[in-house]
C-alpha atoms as a PDB file:
ATOM      1  CA  MET A   1     -50.909  96.976 -21.119  1.00  0.00           C
ATOM      2  CA  ASN A   2     -49.569 100.506 -21.663  1.00  0.00           C
ATOM      3  CA  VAL A   3     -45.982 100.615 -23.053  1.00  0.00           C
ATOM      4  CA  SER A   4     -44.986 103.219 -20.428  1.00  0.00           C
ATOM      5  CA  LEU A   5     -46.113 100.911 -17.643  1.00  0.00           C
ATOM      6  CA  LEU A   6     -44.166  98.001 -19.125  1.00  0.00           C
ATOM      7  CA  MET A   7     -41.037 100.159 -19.192  1.00  0.00           C
ATOM      8  CA  LEU A   8     -41.483 100.956 -15.495  1.00  0.00           C
ATOM      9  CA  LEU A   9     -41.598  97.258 -14.557  1.00  0.00           C
ATOM     10  CA  PRO A  10     -37.788  96.905 -14.171  1.00  0.00           C
ATOM     11  CA  GLY A  11     -37.827  99.876 -11.779  1.00  0.00           C
ATOM     12  CA  PHE A  12     -40.497  98.259  -9.627  1.00  0.00           C
ATOM     13  CA  GLN A  13     -38.576  94.981  -9.623  1.00  0.00           C
ATOM     14  CA  LEU A  14     -35.420  96.834  -8.580  1.00  0.00           C
ATOM     15  CA  LEU A  15     -37.374  98.530  -5.797  1.00  0.00           C
ATOM     16  CA  LEU A  16     -38.617  95.174  -4.500  1.00  0.00           C
ATOM     17  CA  VAL A  17     -35.167  93.541  -4.606  1.00  0.00           C
ATOM     18  CA  ILE A  18     -33.454  96.445  -2.862  1.00  0.00           C
ATOM     19  CA  GLY A  19     -36.329  96.808  -0.408  1.00  0.00           C
ATOM     20  CA  VAL A  20     -36.027  93.153   0.622  1.00  0.00           C
ATOM     21  CA  GLY A  21     -32.243  93.621   1.006  1.00  0.00           C
ATOM     22  CA  ALA A  22     -32.823  96.705   3.150  1.00  0.00           C
ATOM     23  CA  LYS A  23     -35.218  94.803   5.407  1.00  0.00           C
ATOM     24  CA  LYS A  24     -32.597  92.056   5.848  1.00  0.00           C
ATOM     25  CA  GLN A  25     -29.997  94.724   6.762  1.00  0.00           C
ATOM     26  CA  GLU A  26     -32.354  96.229   9.343  1.00  0.00           C
ATOM     27  CA  ALA A  27     -33.029  92.782  10.809  1.00  0.00           C
ATOM     28  CA  ALA A  28     -29.271  92.187  11.055  1.00  0.00           C
ATOM     29  CA  GLY A  29     -28.961  95.325  13.199  1.00  0.00           C
ATOM     30  CA  SER A  30     -27.456  97.635  10.575  1.00  0.00           C
ATOM     31  CA  PRO A  31     -27.883 101.269  11.723  1.00  0.00           C
ATOM     32  CA  GLU A  32     -27.995 102.498   8.124  1.00  0.00           C
ATOM     33  CA  ASP A  33     -31.490 103.313   6.780  1.00  0.00           C
ATOM     34  CA  PRO A  34     -31.347 103.257   2.977  1.00  0.00           C
ATOM     35  CA  SER A  35     -35.052 103.988   2.450  1.00  0.00           C
ATOM     36  CA  THR A  36     -34.594 107.710   1.749  1.00  0.00           C
ATOM     37  CA  ARG A  37     -31.781 107.116  -0.741  1.00  0.00           C
ATOM     38  CA  LEU A  38     -33.713 104.265  -2.354  1.00  0.00           C
ATOM     39  CA  LEU A  39     -36.822 106.387  -2.803  1.00  0.00           C
ATOM     40  CA  GLY A  40     -34.760 109.146  -4.437  1.00  0.00           C
ATOM     41  CA  LEU A  41     -33.079 106.756  -6.863  1.00  0.00           C
ATOM     42  CA  TRP A  42     -36.382 105.140  -7.700  1.00  0.00           C
ATOM     43  CA  ARG A  43     -37.887 108.549  -8.515  1.00  0.00           C
ATOM     44  CA  LEU A  44     -34.934 109.304 -10.789  1.00  0.00           C
ATOM     45  CA  HIS A  45     -35.403 105.964 -12.533  1.00  0.00           C
ATOM     46  CA  VAL A  46     -39.119 106.554 -13.065  1.00  0.00           C
ATOM     47  CA  ARG A  47     -38.533 110.071 -14.425  1.00  0.00           C
ATOM     48  CA  ASP A  48     -35.780 108.807 -16.733  1.00  0.00           C
ATOM     49  CA  THR A  49     -37.918 105.916 -17.968  1.00  0.00           C
ATOM     50  CA  LEU A  50     -40.884 108.165 -18.718  1.00  0.00           C
ATOM     51  CA  LEU A  51     -38.654 110.619 -20.576  1.00  0.00           C
ATOM     52  CA  LYS A  52     -37.144 107.874 -22.716  1.00  0.00           C
ATOM     53  CA  ALA A  53     -40.585 106.332 -23.386  1.00  0.00           C
ATOM     54  CA  LYS A  54     -41.928 109.619 -24.716  1.00  0.00           C
ATOM     55  CA  GLY A  55     -38.799 110.329 -26.788  1.00  0.00           C
ATOM     56  CA  SER A  56     -36.395 113.219 -26.685  1.00  0.00           C
ATOM     57  CA  GLY A  57     -38.346 115.490 -29.014  1.00  0.00           C
ATOM     58  CA  PRO A  58     -40.075 118.753 -28.157  1.00  0.00           C
ATOM     59  CA  HIS A  59     -42.777 116.958 -26.165  1.00  0.00           C
ATOM     60  CA  ALA A  60     -40.499 114.722 -24.069  1.00  0.00           C
ATOM     61  CA  MET A  61     -41.868 116.235 -20.878  1.00  0.00           C
ATOM     62  CA  THR A  62     -45.304 117.530 -20.098  1.00  0.00           C
ATOM     63  CA  GLY A  63     -46.837 119.663 -17.412  1.00  0.00           C
ATOM     64  CA  GLY A  64     -44.956 122.687 -16.067  1.00  0.00           C
ATOM     65  CA  ASP A  65     -41.716 121.860 -17.874  1.00  0.00           C
ATOM     66  CA  LYS A  66     -41.291 124.209 -20.839  1.00  0.00           C
ATOM     67  CA  GLN A  67     -38.664 124.517 -23.511  1.00  0.00           C
ATOM     68  CA  GLN A  68     -36.342 127.398 -22.913  1.00  0.00           C
ATOM     69  CA  LEU A  69     -32.961 128.841 -23.707  1.00  0.00           C
ATOM     70  CA  LEU A  70     -30.493 129.576 -20.918  1.00  0.00           C
ATOM     71  CA  TYR A  71     -28.673 132.808 -21.774  1.00  0.00           C
ATOM     72  CA  CYS A  72     -25.396 133.619 -20.002  1.00  0.00           C
ATOM     73  CA  ARG A  73     -24.546 137.311 -19.821  1.00  0.00           C
ATOM     74  CA  VAL A  74     -20.773 136.839 -20.009  1.00  0.00           C
ATOM     75  CA  GLY A  75     -18.847 138.466 -22.895  1.00  0.00           C
ATOM     76  CA  ILE A  76     -21.082 139.068 -25.919  1.00  0.00           C
ATOM     77  CA  GLY A  77     -23.665 136.719 -24.383  1.00  0.00           C
ATOM     78  CA  TYR A  78     -24.017 132.996 -24.989  1.00  0.00           C
ATOM     79  CA  HIS A  79     -26.790 130.427 -24.995  1.00  0.00           C
ATOM     80  CA  LEU A  80     -26.019 127.153 -23.251  1.00  0.00           C
ATOM     81  CA  GLN A  81     -26.112 124.119 -25.530  1.00  0.00           C
ATOM     82  CA  ILE A  82     -25.935 120.368 -24.983  1.00  0.00           C
ATOM     83  CA  LEU A  83     -24.644 118.517 -28.038  1.00  0.00           C
ATOM     84  CA  PRO A  84     -25.463 114.852 -28.822  1.00  0.00           C
ATOM     85  CA  SER A  85     -21.722 114.093 -28.469  1.00  0.00           C
ATOM     86  CA  GLY A  86     -22.000 114.935 -24.755  1.00  0.00           C
ATOM     87  CA  SER A  87     -20.137 118.229 -24.910  1.00  0.00           C
ATOM     88  CA  VAL A  88     -21.559 121.336 -23.278  1.00  0.00           C
ATOM     89  CA  GLY A  89     -20.762 124.941 -24.166  1.00  0.00           C
ATOM     90  CA  GLY A  90     -22.169 128.235 -25.300  1.00  0.00           C
ATOM     91  CA  VAL A  91     -23.013 129.776 -28.673  1.00  0.00           C
ATOM     92  CA  HIS A  92     -23.981 133.363 -29.380  1.00  0.00           C
ATOM     93  CA  LYS A  93     -26.747 132.575 -31.874  1.00  0.00           C
ATOM     94  CA  PRO A  94     -29.055 129.821 -30.539  1.00  0.00           C
ATOM     95  CA  THR A  95     -29.127 126.491 -32.367  1.00  0.00           C
ATOM     96  CA  GLN A  96     -31.479 123.513 -32.070  1.00  0.00           C
ATOM     97  CA  HIS A  97     -29.162 122.140 -29.356  1.00  0.00           C
ATOM     98  CA  CYS A  98     -29.763 125.187 -27.131  1.00  0.00           C
ATOM     99  CA  TRP A  99     -33.368 124.270 -26.359  1.00  0.00           C
ATOM    100  CA  LEU A 100     -33.486 122.881 -22.833  1.00  0.00           C
ATOM    101  CA  LYS A 101     -36.034 121.736 -20.302  1.00  0.00           C
ATOM    102  CA  VAL A 102     -35.472 122.609 -16.663  1.00  0.00           C
ATOM    103  CA  PHE A 103     -37.505 120.335 -14.378  1.00  0.00           C
ATOM    104  CA  ALA A 104     -37.913 120.472 -10.601  1.00  0.00           C
ATOM    105  CA  MET A 105     -36.747 117.547  -8.482  1.00  0.00           C
ATOM    106  CA  LYS A 106     -37.655 119.250  -5.210  1.00  0.00           C
ATOM    107  CA  GLN A 107     -37.835 122.845  -4.037  1.00  0.00           C
ATOM    108  CA  GLY A 108     -34.741 124.700  -5.235  1.00  0.00           C
ATOM    109  CA  VAL A 109     -33.241 121.616  -6.939  1.00  0.00           C
ATOM    110  CA  VAL A 110     -33.592 121.057 -10.676  1.00  0.00           C
ATOM    111  CA  GLY A 111     -32.421 118.886 -13.515  1.00  0.00           C
ATOM    112  CA  ILE A 112     -31.715 120.107 -17.044  1.00  0.00           C
ATOM    113  CA  ILE A 113     -32.136 118.042 -20.210  1.00  0.00           C
ATOM    114  CA  GLY A 114     -31.375 118.969 -23.816  1.00  0.00           C
ATOM    115  CA  VAL A 115     -34.533 118.756 -25.923  1.00  0.00           C
ATOM    116  CA  LYS A 116     -32.717 117.658 -29.104  1.00  0.00           C
ATOM    117  CA  SER A 117     -29.891 115.605 -27.567  1.00  0.00           C
ATOM    118  CA  GLY A 118     -31.957 113.967 -24.806  1.00  0.00           C
ATOM    119  CA  LEU A 119     -28.919 114.244 -22.498  1.00  0.00           C
ATOM    120  CA  TYR A 120     -28.848 115.522 -18.918  1.00  0.00           C
ATOM    121  CA  LEU A 121     -26.584 118.371 -17.832  1.00  0.00           C
ATOM    122  CA  CYS A 122     -24.228 117.334 -15.009  1.00  0.00           C
ATOM    123  CA  LEU A 123     -21.325 118.836 -13.035  1.00  0.00           C
ATOM    124  CA  SER A 124     -18.371 116.542 -12.338  1.00  0.00           C
ATOM    125  CA  ALA A 125     -16.215 116.332  -9.223  1.00  0.00           C
ATOM    126  CA  GLU A 126     -13.544 118.179 -11.245  1.00  0.00           C
ATOM    127  CA  GLY A 127     -15.902 121.139 -11.694  1.00  0.00           C
ATOM    128  CA  LEU A 128     -16.679 120.702 -15.402  1.00  0.00           C
ATOM    129  CA  ALA A 129     -20.101 120.402 -16.978  1.00  0.00           C
ATOM    130  CA  TYR A 130     -20.843 117.388 -19.154  1.00  0.00           C
ATOM    131  CA  ALA A 131     -23.860 115.640 -20.631  1.00  0.00           C
ATOM    132  CA  ALA A 132     -25.015 112.144 -19.660  1.00  0.00           C
ATOM    133  CA  GLU A 133     -27.656 109.692 -20.841  1.00  0.00           C
ATOM    134  CA  LYS A 134     -28.608 108.601 -17.315  1.00  0.00           C
ATOM    135  CA  PHE A 135     -29.699 110.926 -14.539  1.00  0.00           C
ATOM    136  CA  SER A 136     -27.384 110.743 -11.503  1.00  0.00           C
ATOM    137  CA  ASP A 137     -26.412 112.731  -8.404  1.00  0.00           C
ATOM    138  CA  ASP A 138     -24.069 114.834 -10.600  1.00  0.00           C
ATOM    139  CA  CYS A 139     -27.162 116.052 -12.503  1.00  0.00           C
ATOM    140  CA  LEU A 140     -28.849 117.554  -9.427  1.00  0.00           C
ATOM    141  CA  LEU A 141     -28.410 121.328  -9.574  1.00  0.00           C
ATOM    142  CA  LYS A 142     -29.359 123.986  -7.048  1.00  0.00           C
ATOM    143  CA  GLU A 143     -31.129 126.832  -8.825  1.00  0.00           C
ATOM    144  CA  ASN A 144     -30.671 130.182  -7.083  1.00  0.00           C
ATOM    145  CA  LEU A 145     -32.315 133.453  -8.090  1.00  0.00           C
ATOM    146  CA  GLU A 146     -29.740 136.201  -7.632  1.00  0.00           C
ATOM    147  CA  GLU A 147     -30.389 139.875  -6.792  1.00  0.00           C
ATOM    148  CA  ASN A 148     -30.029 140.863 -10.473  1.00  0.00           C
ATOM    149  CA  HIS A 149     -32.821 138.402 -11.441  1.00  0.00           C
ATOM    150  CA  TYR A 150     -30.397 135.993 -13.120  1.00  0.00           C
ATOM    151  CA  ASN A 151     -30.171 132.354 -12.005  1.00  0.00           C
ATOM    152  CA  THR A 152     -27.083 130.495 -10.894  1.00  0.00           C
ATOM    153  CA  TYR A 153     -26.833 126.708 -11.063  1.00  0.00           C
ATOM    154  CA  SER A 154     -24.569 124.965  -8.591  1.00  0.00           C
ATOM    155  CA  SER A 155     -23.932 121.289  -7.980  1.00  0.00           C
ATOM    156  CA  LEU A 156     -25.882 119.660  -5.167  1.00  0.00           C
ATOM    157  CA  SER A 157     -23.277 116.864  -4.919  1.00  0.00           C
ATOM    158  CA  HIS A 158     -20.225 119.134  -5.114  1.00  0.00           C
ATOM    159  CA  PRO A 159     -20.935 122.290  -3.059  1.00  0.00           C
ATOM    160  CA  ASP A 160     -19.722 125.627  -4.438  1.00  0.00           C
ATOM    161  CA  PHE A 161     -19.236 124.267  -7.990  1.00  0.00           C
ATOM    162  CA  TYR A 162     -21.104 126.480 -10.477  1.00  0.00           C
ATOM    163  CA  LEU A 163     -22.139 126.108 -14.091  1.00  0.00           C
ATOM    164  CA  ALA A 164     -20.053 128.768 -15.889  1.00  0.00           C
ATOM    165  CA  LEU A 165     -19.068 129.915 -19.388  1.00  0.00           C
ATOM    166  CA  SER A 166     -15.975 131.870 -20.436  1.00  0.00           C
ATOM    167  CA  HIS A 167     -15.936 135.106 -22.455  1.00  0.00           C
ATOM    168  CA  LYS A 168     -15.604 132.918 -25.573  1.00  0.00           C
ATOM    169  CA  GLY A 169     -18.487 130.570 -24.704  1.00  0.00           C
ATOM    170  CA  ALA A 170     -16.300 127.669 -23.510  1.00  0.00           C
ATOM    171  CA  LEU A 171     -16.888 125.925 -20.194  1.00  0.00           C
ATOM    172  CA  ARG A 172     -15.139 127.227 -17.124  1.00  0.00           C
ATOM    173  CA  ARG A 173     -14.274 125.081 -14.143  1.00  0.00           C
ATOM    174  CA  GLY A 174     -17.114 125.438 -11.677  1.00  0.00           C
ATOM    175  CA  ASN A 175     -14.755 125.326  -8.700  1.00  0.00           C
ATOM    176  CA  SER A 176     -12.821 128.404  -9.909  1.00  0.00           C
ATOM    177  CA  VAL A 177     -15.789 130.804 -10.098  1.00  0.00           C
ATOM    178  CA  GLY A 178     -18.278 132.298  -7.666  1.00  0.00           C
ATOM    179  CA  ARG A 179     -21.960 133.066  -7.728  1.00  0.00           C
ATOM    180  CA  HIS A 180     -21.408 136.819  -8.087  1.00  0.00           C
ATOM    181  CA  GLN A 181     -19.449 136.521 -11.340  1.00  0.00           C
ATOM    182  CA  SER A 182     -21.280 137.189 -14.632  1.00  0.00           C
ATOM    183  CA  CYS A 183     -19.948 133.918 -16.094  1.00  0.00           C
ATOM    184  CA  THR A 184     -22.290 132.003 -13.739  1.00  0.00           C
ATOM    185  CA  HIS A 185     -25.397 134.128 -14.406  1.00  0.00           C
ATOM    186  CA  PHE A 186     -28.071 132.621 -16.658  1.00  0.00           C
ATOM    187  CA  ILE A 187     -31.520 133.878 -17.547  1.00  0.00           C
ATOM    188  CA  PRO A 188     -34.253 131.678 -19.055  1.00  0.00           C
ATOM    189  CA  ARG A 189     -35.621 132.798 -22.410  1.00  0.00           C
ATOM    190  CA  ARG A 190     -38.799 131.362 -23.861  1.00  0.00           C
ATOM    191  CA  THR A 191     -40.609 131.901 -27.125  1.00  0.00           C
ATOM    192  CA  GLY A 192     -44.355 132.113 -27.574  1.00  0.00           C
END
């Protein structure tokens, strides 16, 4: 049996266990329908499992997901990086930790993973960006194309929190900035 399929088995088992529990809740007269939430979490689990099975190298994802740099136009200009330690920030000259993959979860909603670190970019309830091993609701980002052709990334879970860098490349609190500020404007850069 394919190794990738074996790694998905726990996700299928989880789906069955939770699905049976949901059916029991419905039979008990619970008005809450967890099927939509369950399907979303299952998709996240499958995506995460496939990414881990293929490794975190340059070919961790296939299809339309391409390696890119996210350049922020604030100050002298910084490239977003995700370090293996879990810290997120900006550097002027791109390093191996600046290569990212932006993948679509649904229309207008993306996830971002560091190619080298294998960590997901997330925005916390406090408004700060951080990196995590597991994909969660904090990792769902709304990608908006602004009038100046730059993208802004805001938290789906925490409305009006934006990914932002300071004039020195450090993180800024996402709840203290707005979408029209240059510190929140990123443009994808690809090579080749």
